[in-house]
Amino acid sequence: VPPTHLINTPQIHKDICKSFEDYIRSSDL
């Protein structure tokens, strides 16, 4: 489950996590 609404996690960590997820979902690997 993505950390989207975890209150102990900084927003910038959530943004980096989402950006990485977007990247690997566009990857063939």
PDB file of all heavy atoms in Angstrom:
ATOM      1  N   VAL A   1       0.850  -1.193   0.000  1.00  0.00           N
ATOM      2  CA  VAL A   1       0.000   0.000   0.000  1.00  0.00           C
ATOM      3  C   VAL A   1       0.883   1.239   0.000  1.00  0.00           C
ATOM      4  O   VAL A   1       1.799   1.351   0.826  1.00  0.00           O
ATOM      5  CB  VAL A   1      -0.926   0.019   1.234  1.00  0.00           C
ATOM      6  CG1 VAL A   1      -1.826   1.251   1.209  1.00  0.00           C
ATOM      7  CG2 VAL A   1      -1.757  -1.259   1.301  1.00  0.00           C
ATOM      8  N   PRO A   2       0.660   2.190  -0.905  1.00  0.00           N
ATOM      9  CA  PRO A   2       1.450   3.426  -0.924  1.00  0.00           C
ATOM     10  C   PRO A   2       1.277   4.213   0.376  1.00  0.00           C
ATOM     11  O   PRO A   2       0.245   4.107   1.044  1.00  0.00           O
ATOM     12  CB  PRO A   2       0.871   4.199  -2.123  1.00  0.00           C
ATOM     13  CG  PRO A   2       0.237   3.154  -2.983  1.00  0.00           C
ATOM     14  CD  PRO A   2      -0.292   2.115  -2.031  1.00  0.00           C
ATOM     15  N   PRO A   3       2.276   5.038   0.742  1.00  0.00           N
ATOM     16  CA  PRO A   3       2.230   5.777   2.014  1.00  0.00           C
ATOM     17  C   PRO A   3       1.419   7.054   1.950  1.00  0.00           C
ATOM     18  O   PRO A   3       1.607   7.945   2.794  1.00  0.00           O
ATOM     19  CB  PRO A   3       3.718   6.080   2.253  1.00  0.00           C
ATOM     20  CG  PRO A   3       4.270   6.267   0.874  1.00  0.00           C
ATOM     21  CD  PRO A   3       3.542   5.258   0.018  1.00  0.00           C
ATOM     22  N   THR A   4       0.528   7.169   1.024  1.00  0.00           N
ATOM     23  CA  THR A   4      -0.163   8.412   0.700  1.00  0.00           C
ATOM     24  C   THR A   4      -0.711   9.154   1.912  1.00  0.00           C
ATOM     25  O   THR A   4      -0.608  10.387   1.999  1.00  0.00           O
ATOM     26  CB  THR A   4      -1.316   8.124  -0.282  1.00  0.00           C
ATOM     27  OG1 THR A   4      -0.821   7.317  -1.358  1.00  0.00           O
ATOM     28  CG2 THR A   4      -1.901   9.418  -0.825  1.00  0.00           C
ATOM     29  N   HIS A   5      -1.292   8.413   2.864  1.00  0.00           N
ATOM     30  CA  HIS A   5      -1.964   9.071   3.989  1.00  0.00           C
ATOM     31  C   HIS A   5      -1.326   8.756   5.344  1.00  0.00           C
ATOM     32  O   HIS A   5      -1.945   9.015   6.380  1.00  0.00           O
ATOM     33  CB  HIS A   5      -3.442   8.677   4.015  1.00  0.00           C
ATOM     34  CG  HIS A   5      -4.183   9.065   2.770  1.00  0.00           C
ATOM     35  ND1 HIS A   5      -4.399  10.380   2.414  1.00  0.00           N
ATOM     36  CD2 HIS A   5      -4.732   8.311   1.775  1.00  0.00           C
ATOM     37  CE1 HIS A   5      -5.075  10.426   1.266  1.00  0.00           C
ATOM     38  NE2 HIS A   5      -5.273   9.185   0.855  1.00  0.00           N
ATOM     39  N   LEU A   6      -0.112   8.234   5.367  1.00  0.00           N
ATOM     40  CA  LEU A   6       0.555   7.962   6.641  1.00  0.00           C
ATOM     41  C   LEU A   6       0.994   9.275   7.284  1.00  0.00           C
ATOM     42  O   LEU A   6       1.775  10.027   6.693  1.00  0.00           O
ATOM     43  CB  LEU A   6       1.769   7.054   6.433  1.00  0.00           C
ATOM     44  CG  LEU A   6       1.485   5.584   6.159  1.00  0.00           C
ATOM     45  CD1 LEU A   6       2.799   4.832   5.958  1.00  0.00           C
ATOM     46  CD2 LEU A   6       0.682   4.955   7.297  1.00  0.00           C
ATOM     47  N   ILE A   7       0.546   9.539   8.505  1.00  0.00           N
ATOM     48  CA  ILE A   7       0.809  10.846   9.099  1.00  0.00           C
ATOM     49  C   ILE A   7       2.224  10.956   9.664  1.00  0.00           C
ATOM     50  O   ILE A   7       2.673  12.069   9.951  1.00  0.00           O
ATOM     51  CB  ILE A   7      -0.217  11.186  10.200  1.00  0.00           C
ATOM     52  CG1 ILE A   7      -0.129  10.188  11.355  1.00  0.00           C
ATOM     53  CG2 ILE A   7      -1.618  11.227   9.639  1.00  0.00           C
ATOM     54  CD1 ILE A   7      -0.997  10.589  12.537  1.00  0.00           C
ATOM     55  N   ASN A   8       2.938   9.835   9.830  1.00  0.00           N
ATOM     56  CA  ASN A   8       4.307   9.939  10.347  1.00  0.00           C
ATOM     57  C   ASN A   8       5.341  10.075   9.244  1.00  0.00           C
ATOM     58  O   ASN A   8       6.534  10.209   9.526  1.00  0.00           O
ATOM     59  CB  ASN A   8       4.634   8.731  11.239  1.00  0.00           C
ATOM     60  CG  ASN A   8       4.609   7.413  10.481  1.00  0.00           C
ATOM     61  OD1 ASN A   8       4.150   7.342   9.341  1.00  0.00           O
ATOM     62  ND2 ASN A   8       5.093   6.369  11.127  1.00  0.00           N
ATOM     63  N   THR A   9       4.905  10.056   7.994  1.00  0.00           N
ATOM     64  CA  THR A   9       5.812  10.113   6.845  1.00  0.00           C
ATOM     65  C   THR A   9       5.765  11.494   6.197  1.00  0.00           C
ATOM     66  O   THR A   9       4.675  11.993   5.890  1.00  0.00           O
ATOM     67  CB  THR A   9       5.426   9.045   5.799  1.00  0.00           C
ATOM     68  OG1 THR A   9       5.423   7.759   6.425  1.00  0.00           O
ATOM     69  CG2 THR A   9       6.399   9.035   4.637  1.00  0.00           C
ATOM     70  N   PRO A  10       6.909  12.144   5.990  1.00  0.00           N
ATOM     71  CA  PRO A  10       6.909  13.477   5.369  1.00  0.00           C
ATOM     72  C   PRO A  10       6.333  13.439   3.954  1.00  0.00           C
ATOM     73  O   PRO A  10       6.498  12.453   3.225  1.00  0.00           O
ATOM     74  CB  PRO A  10       8.397  13.858   5.343  1.00  0.00           C
ATOM     75  CG  PRO A  10       9.064  12.952   6.311  1.00  0.00           C
ATOM     76  CD  PRO A  10       8.273  11.684   6.326  1.00  0.00           C
ATOM     77  N   GLN A  11       5.708  14.518   3.567  1.00  0.00           N
ATOM     78  CA  GLN A  11       5.110  14.592   2.231  1.00  0.00           C
ATOM     79  C   GLN A  11       6.167  14.409   1.143  1.00  0.00           C
ATOM     80  O   GLN A  11       5.907  13.776   0.124  1.00  0.00           O
ATOM     81  CB  GLN A  11       4.392  15.935   2.051  1.00  0.00           C
ATOM     82  CG  GLN A  11       3.658  16.059   0.720  1.00  0.00           C
ATOM     83  CD  GLN A  11       2.589  14.997   0.531  1.00  0.00           C
ATOM     84  OE1 GLN A  11       1.795  14.747   1.443  1.00  0.00           O
ATOM     85  NE2 GLN A  11       2.573  14.348  -0.641  1.00  0.00           N
ATOM     86  N   ILE A  12       7.368  14.925   1.372  1.00  0.00           N
ATOM     87  CA  ILE A  12       8.390  14.818   0.336  1.00  0.00           C
ATOM     88  C   ILE A  12       8.788  13.359   0.122  1.00  0.00           C
ATOM     89  O   ILE A  12       9.090  12.937  -1.000  1.00  0.00           O
ATOM     90  CB  ILE A  12       9.624  15.694   0.694  1.00  0.00           C
ATOM     91  CG1 ILE A  12      10.548  15.809  -0.508  1.00  0.00           C
ATOM     92  CG2 ILE A  12      10.357  15.160   1.908  1.00  0.00           C
ATOM     93  CD1 ILE A  12       9.941  16.498  -1.702  1.00  0.00           C
ATOM     94  N   HIS A  13       8.767  12.541   1.171  1.00  0.00           N
ATOM     95  CA  HIS A  13       9.036  11.104   1.002  1.00  0.00           C
ATOM     96  C   HIS A  13       7.940  10.455   0.166  1.00  0.00           C
ATOM     97  O   HIS A  13       8.204   9.598  -0.684  1.00  0.00           O
ATOM     98  CB  HIS A  13       9.114  10.418   2.361  1.00  0.00           C
ATOM     99  CG  HIS A  13      10.335  10.745   3.147  1.00  0.00           C
ATOM    100  ND1 HIS A  13      10.847   9.911   4.119  1.00  0.00           N
ATOM    101  CD2 HIS A  13      11.166  11.823   3.123  1.00  0.00           C
ATOM    102  CE1 HIS A  13      11.926  10.446   4.654  1.00  0.00           C
ATOM    103  NE2 HIS A  13      12.123  11.623   4.075  1.00  0.00           N
ATOM    104  N   LYS A  14       6.697  10.858   0.412  1.00  0.00           N
ATOM    105  CA  LYS A  14       5.576  10.322  -0.356  1.00  0.00           C
ATOM    106  C   LYS A  14       5.691  10.711  -1.829  1.00  0.00           C
ATOM    107  O   LYS A  14       5.405   9.900  -2.718  1.00  0.00           O
ATOM    108  CB  LYS A  14       4.257  10.839   0.221  1.00  0.00           C
ATOM    109  CG  LYS A  14       4.014  10.462   1.672  1.00  0.00           C
ATOM    110  CD  LYS A  14       2.766  11.146   2.213  1.00  0.00           C
ATOM    111  CE  LYS A  14       2.557  10.875   3.694  1.00  0.00           C
ATOM    112  NZ  LYS A  14       1.368  11.571   4.235  1.00  0.00           N
ATOM    113  N   ASP A  15       6.118  11.945  -2.080  1.00  0.00           N
ATOM    114  CA  ASP A  15       6.261  12.412  -3.462  1.00  0.00           C
ATOM    115  C   ASP A  15       7.351  11.631  -4.185  1.00  0.00           C
ATOM    116  O   ASP A  15       7.197  11.266  -5.367  1.00  0.00           O
ATOM    117  CB  ASP A  15       6.588  13.910  -3.481  1.00  0.00           C
ATOM    118  CG  ASP A  15       5.453  14.771  -2.965  1.00  0.00           C
ATOM    119  OD1 ASP A  15       4.312  14.276  -2.904  1.00  0.00           O
ATOM    120  OD2 ASP A  15       5.719  15.936  -2.604  1.00  0.00           O
ATOM    121  N   ILE A  16       8.470  11.381  -3.509  1.00  0.00           N
ATOM    122  CA  ILE A  16       9.556  10.622  -4.124  1.00  0.00           C
ATOM    123  C   ILE A  16       9.106   9.190  -4.396  1.00  0.00           C
ATOM    124  O   ILE A  16       9.393   8.610  -5.459  1.00  0.00           O
ATOM    125  CB  ILE A  16      10.808  10.640  -3.224  1.00  0.00           C
ATOM    126  CG1 ILE A  16      11.372  12.058  -3.140  1.00  0.00           C
ATOM    127  CG2 ILE A  16      11.870   9.680  -3.750  1.00  0.00           C
ATOM    128  CD1 ILE A  16      12.482  12.221  -2.123  1.00  0.00           C
ATOM    129  N   CYS A  17       8.397   8.599  -3.447  1.00  0.00           N
ATOM    130  CA  CYS A  17       7.873   7.241  -3.607  1.00  0.00           C
ATOM    131  C   CYS A  17       6.969   7.146  -4.831  1.00  0.00           C
ATOM    132  O   CYS A  17       7.095   6.221  -5.647  1.00  0.00           O
ATOM    133  CB  CYS A  17       7.115   6.837  -2.345  1.00  0.00           C
ATOM    134  SG  CYS A  17       6.341   5.217  -2.406  1.00  0.00           S
ATOM    135  N   LYS A  18       6.062   8.108  -4.965  1.00  0.00           N
ATOM    136  CA  LYS A  18       5.133   8.115  -6.118  1.00  0.00           C
ATOM    137  C   LYS A  18       5.885   8.316  -7.427  1.00  0.00           C
ATOM    138  O   LYS A  18       5.581   7.678  -8.443  1.00  0.00           O
ATOM    139  CB  LYS A  18       4.100   9.218  -5.941  1.00  0.00           C
ATOM    140  CG  LYS A  18       3.052   9.285  -7.058  1.00  0.00           C
ATOM    141  CD  LYS A  18       2.226   8.013  -7.106  1.00  0.00           C
ATOM    142  CE  LYS A  18       1.022   8.151  -8.030  1.00  0.00           C
ATOM    143  NZ  LYS A  18       1.413   8.311  -9.442  1.00  0.00           N
ATOM    144  N   SER A  19       6.892   9.172  -7.414  1.00  0.00           N
ATOM    145  CA  SER A  19       7.674   9.423  -8.623  1.00  0.00           C
ATOM    146  C   SER A  19       8.422   8.167  -9.062  1.00  0.00           C
ATOM    147  O   SER A  19       8.478   7.842 -10.255  1.00  0.00           O
ATOM    148  CB  SER A  19       8.659  10.572  -8.378  1.00  0.00           C
ATOM    149  OG  SER A  19       9.322  10.934  -9.555  1.00  0.00           O
ATOM    150  N   PHE A  20       8.973   7.431  -8.095  1.00  0.00           N
ATOM    151  CA  PHE A  20       9.662   6.181  -8.418  1.00  0.00           C
ATOM    152  C   PHE A  20       8.670   5.139  -8.932  1.00  0.00           C
ATOM    153  O   PHE A  20       8.960   4.406  -9.897  1.00  0.00           O
ATOM    154  CB  PHE A  20      10.387   5.655  -7.181  1.00  0.00           C
ATOM    155  CG  PHE A  20      11.068   4.337  -7.387  1.00  0.00           C
ATOM    156  CD1 PHE A  20      12.212   4.240  -8.182  1.00  0.00           C
ATOM    157  CD2 PHE A  20      10.576   3.184  -6.794  1.00  0.00           C
ATOM    158  CE1 PHE A  20      12.836   3.013  -8.375  1.00  0.00           C
ATOM    159  CE2 PHE A  20      11.195   1.960  -6.979  1.00  0.00           C
ATOM    160  CZ  PHE A  20      12.327   1.868  -7.781  1.00  0.00           C
ATOM    161  N   GLU A  21       7.505   5.069  -8.319  1.00  0.00           N
ATOM    162  CA  GLU A  21       6.484   4.127  -8.778  1.00  0.00           C
ATOM    163  C   GLU A  21       6.080   4.431 -10.218  1.00  0.00           C
ATOM    164  O   GLU A  21       5.954   3.522 -11.051  1.00  0.00           O
ATOM    165  CB  GLU A  21       5.265   4.186  -7.860  1.00  0.00           C
ATOM    166  CG  GLU A  21       4.159   3.212  -8.241  1.00  0.00           C
ATOM    167  CD  GLU A  21       2.949   3.345  -7.336  1.00  0.00           C
ATOM    168  OE1 GLU A  21       2.129   4.267  -7.575  1.00  0.00           O
ATOM    169  OE2 GLU A  21       2.829   2.543  -6.394  1.00  0.00           O
ATOM    170  N   ASP A  22       5.890   5.723 -10.535  1.00  0.00           N
ATOM    171  CA  ASP A  22       5.555   6.104 -11.912  1.00  0.00           C
ATOM    172  C   ASP A  22       6.639   5.640 -12.883  1.00  0.00           C
ATOM    173  O   ASP A  22       6.345   5.157 -13.981  1.00  0.00           O
ATOM    174  CB  ASP A  22       5.384   7.621 -12.016  1.00  0.00           C
ATOM    175  CG  ASP A  22       4.143   8.127 -11.299  1.00  0.00           C
ATOM    176  OD1 ASP A  22       3.257   7.311 -10.992  1.00  0.00           O
ATOM    177  OD2 ASP A  22       4.080   9.343 -11.032  1.00  0.00           O
ATOM    178  N   TYR A  23       7.885   5.778 -12.443  1.00  0.00           N
ATOM    179  CA  TYR A  23       9.001   5.416 -13.320  1.00  0.00           C
ATOM    180  C   TYR A  23       9.031   3.911 -13.606  1.00  0.00           C
ATOM    181  O   TYR A  23       9.123   3.492 -14.766  1.00  0.00           O
ATOM    182  CB  TYR A  23      10.324   5.849 -12.702  1.00  0.00           C
ATOM    183  CG  TYR A  23      11.512   5.507 -13.574  1.00  0.00           C
ATOM    184  CD1 TYR A  23      11.891   6.346 -14.614  1.00  0.00           C
ATOM    185  CD2 TYR A  23      12.230   4.332 -13.386  1.00  0.00           C
ATOM    186  CE1 TYR A  23      12.959   6.025 -15.447  1.00  0.00           C
ATOM    187  CE2 TYR A  23      13.292   4.005 -14.207  1.00  0.00           C
ATOM    188  CZ  TYR A  23      13.658   4.853 -15.238  1.00  0.00           C
ATOM    189  OH  TYR A  23      14.703   4.520 -16.062  1.00  0.00           O
ATOM    190  N   ILE A  24       8.953   3.083 -12.555  1.00  0.00           N
ATOM    191  CA  ILE A  24       9.083   1.638 -12.799  1.00  0.00           C
ATOM    192  C   ILE A  24       7.852   1.080 -13.508  1.00  0.00           C
ATOM    193  O   ILE A  24       7.938   0.076 -14.228  1.00  0.00           O
ATOM    194  CB  ILE A  24       9.360   0.853 -11.504  1.00  0.00           C
ATOM    195  CG1 ILE A  24       8.196   0.930 -10.529  1.00  0.00           C
ATOM    196  CG2 ILE A  24      10.648   1.343 -10.850  1.00  0.00           C
ATOM    197  CD1 ILE A  24       8.349  -0.004  -9.320  1.00  0.00           C
ATOM    198  N   ARG A  25       6.703   1.745 -13.354  1.00  0.00           N
ATOM    199  CA  ARG A  25       5.515   1.287 -14.078  1.00  0.00           C
ATOM    200  C   ARG A  25       5.621   1.560 -15.572  1.00  0.00           C
ATOM    201  O   ARG A  25       4.989   0.883 -16.384  1.00  0.00           O
ATOM    202  CB  ARG A  25       4.250   1.936 -13.504  1.00  0.00           C
ATOM    203  CG  ARG A  25       3.847   1.363 -12.159  1.00  0.00           C
ATOM    204  CD  ARG A  25       2.521   1.910 -11.657  1.00  0.00           C
ATOM    205  NE  ARG A  25       2.103   1.217 -10.438  1.00  0.00           N
ATOM    206  CZ  ARG A  25       0.932   1.416  -9.829  1.00  0.00           C
ATOM    207  NH1 ARG A  25       0.065   2.316 -10.321  1.00  0.00           N
ATOM    208  NH2 ARG A  25       0.628   0.738  -8.741  1.00  0.00           N
ATOM    209  N   SER A  26       6.453   2.528 -15.919  1.00  0.00           N
ATOM    210  CA  SER A  26       6.673   2.810 -17.348  1.00  0.00           C
ATOM    211  C   SER A  26       7.818   1.983 -17.908  1.00  0.00           C
ATOM    212  O   SER A  26       8.063   1.992 -19.126  1.00  0.00           O
ATOM    213  CB  SER A  26       6.973   4.300 -17.547  1.00  0.00           C
ATOM    214  OG  SER A  26       8.232   4.639 -16.963  1.00  0.00           O
ATOM    215  N   SER A  27       8.513   1.258 -17.034  1.00  0.00           N
ATOM    216  CA  SER A  27       9.652   0.446 -17.455  1.00  0.00           C
ATOM    217  C   SER A  27       9.196  -0.934 -17.928  1.00  0.00           C
ATOM    218  O   SER A  27       8.217  -1.494 -17.422  1.00  0.00           O
ATOM    219  CB  SER A  27      10.634   0.282 -16.276  1.00  0.00           C
ATOM    220  OG  SER A  27      11.589  -0.720 -16.547  1.00  0.00           O
ATOM    221  N   ASP A  28       9.938  -1.493 -18.902  1.00  0.00           N
ATOM    222  CA  ASP A  28       9.651  -2.852 -19.372  1.00  0.00           C
ATOM    223  C   ASP A  28      10.162  -3.918 -18.403  1.00  0.00           C
ATOM    224  O   ASP A  28       9.773  -5.085 -18.511  1.00  0.00           O
ATOM    225  CB  ASP A  28      10.299  -3.083 -20.746  1.00  0.00           C
ATOM    226  CG  ASP A  28       9.680  -2.209 -21.829  1.00  0.00           C
ATOM    227  OD1 ASP A  28       8.488  -1.848 -21.678  1.00  0.00           O
ATOM    228  OD2 ASP A  28      10.384  -1.877 -22.800  1.00  0.00           O
ATOM    229  N   LEU A  29      11.025  -3.527 -17.477  1.00  0.00           N
ATOM    230  CA  LEU A  29      11.621  -4.498 -16.566  1.00  0.00           C
ATOM    231  C   LEU A  29      10.686  -4.782 -15.397  1.00  0.00           C
ATOM    232  O   LEU A  29      10.066  -3.869 -14.850  1.00  0.00           O
ATOM    233  CB  LEU A  29      12.957  -3.974 -16.040  1.00  0.00           C
ATOM    234  CG  LEU A  29      14.043  -3.744 -17.109  1.00  0.00           C
ATOM    235  CD1 LEU A  29      15.292  -3.150 -16.471  1.00  0.00           C
ATOM    236  CD2 LEU A  29      14.373  -5.052 -17.816  1.00  0.00           C
TER     237      LEU A  29
END
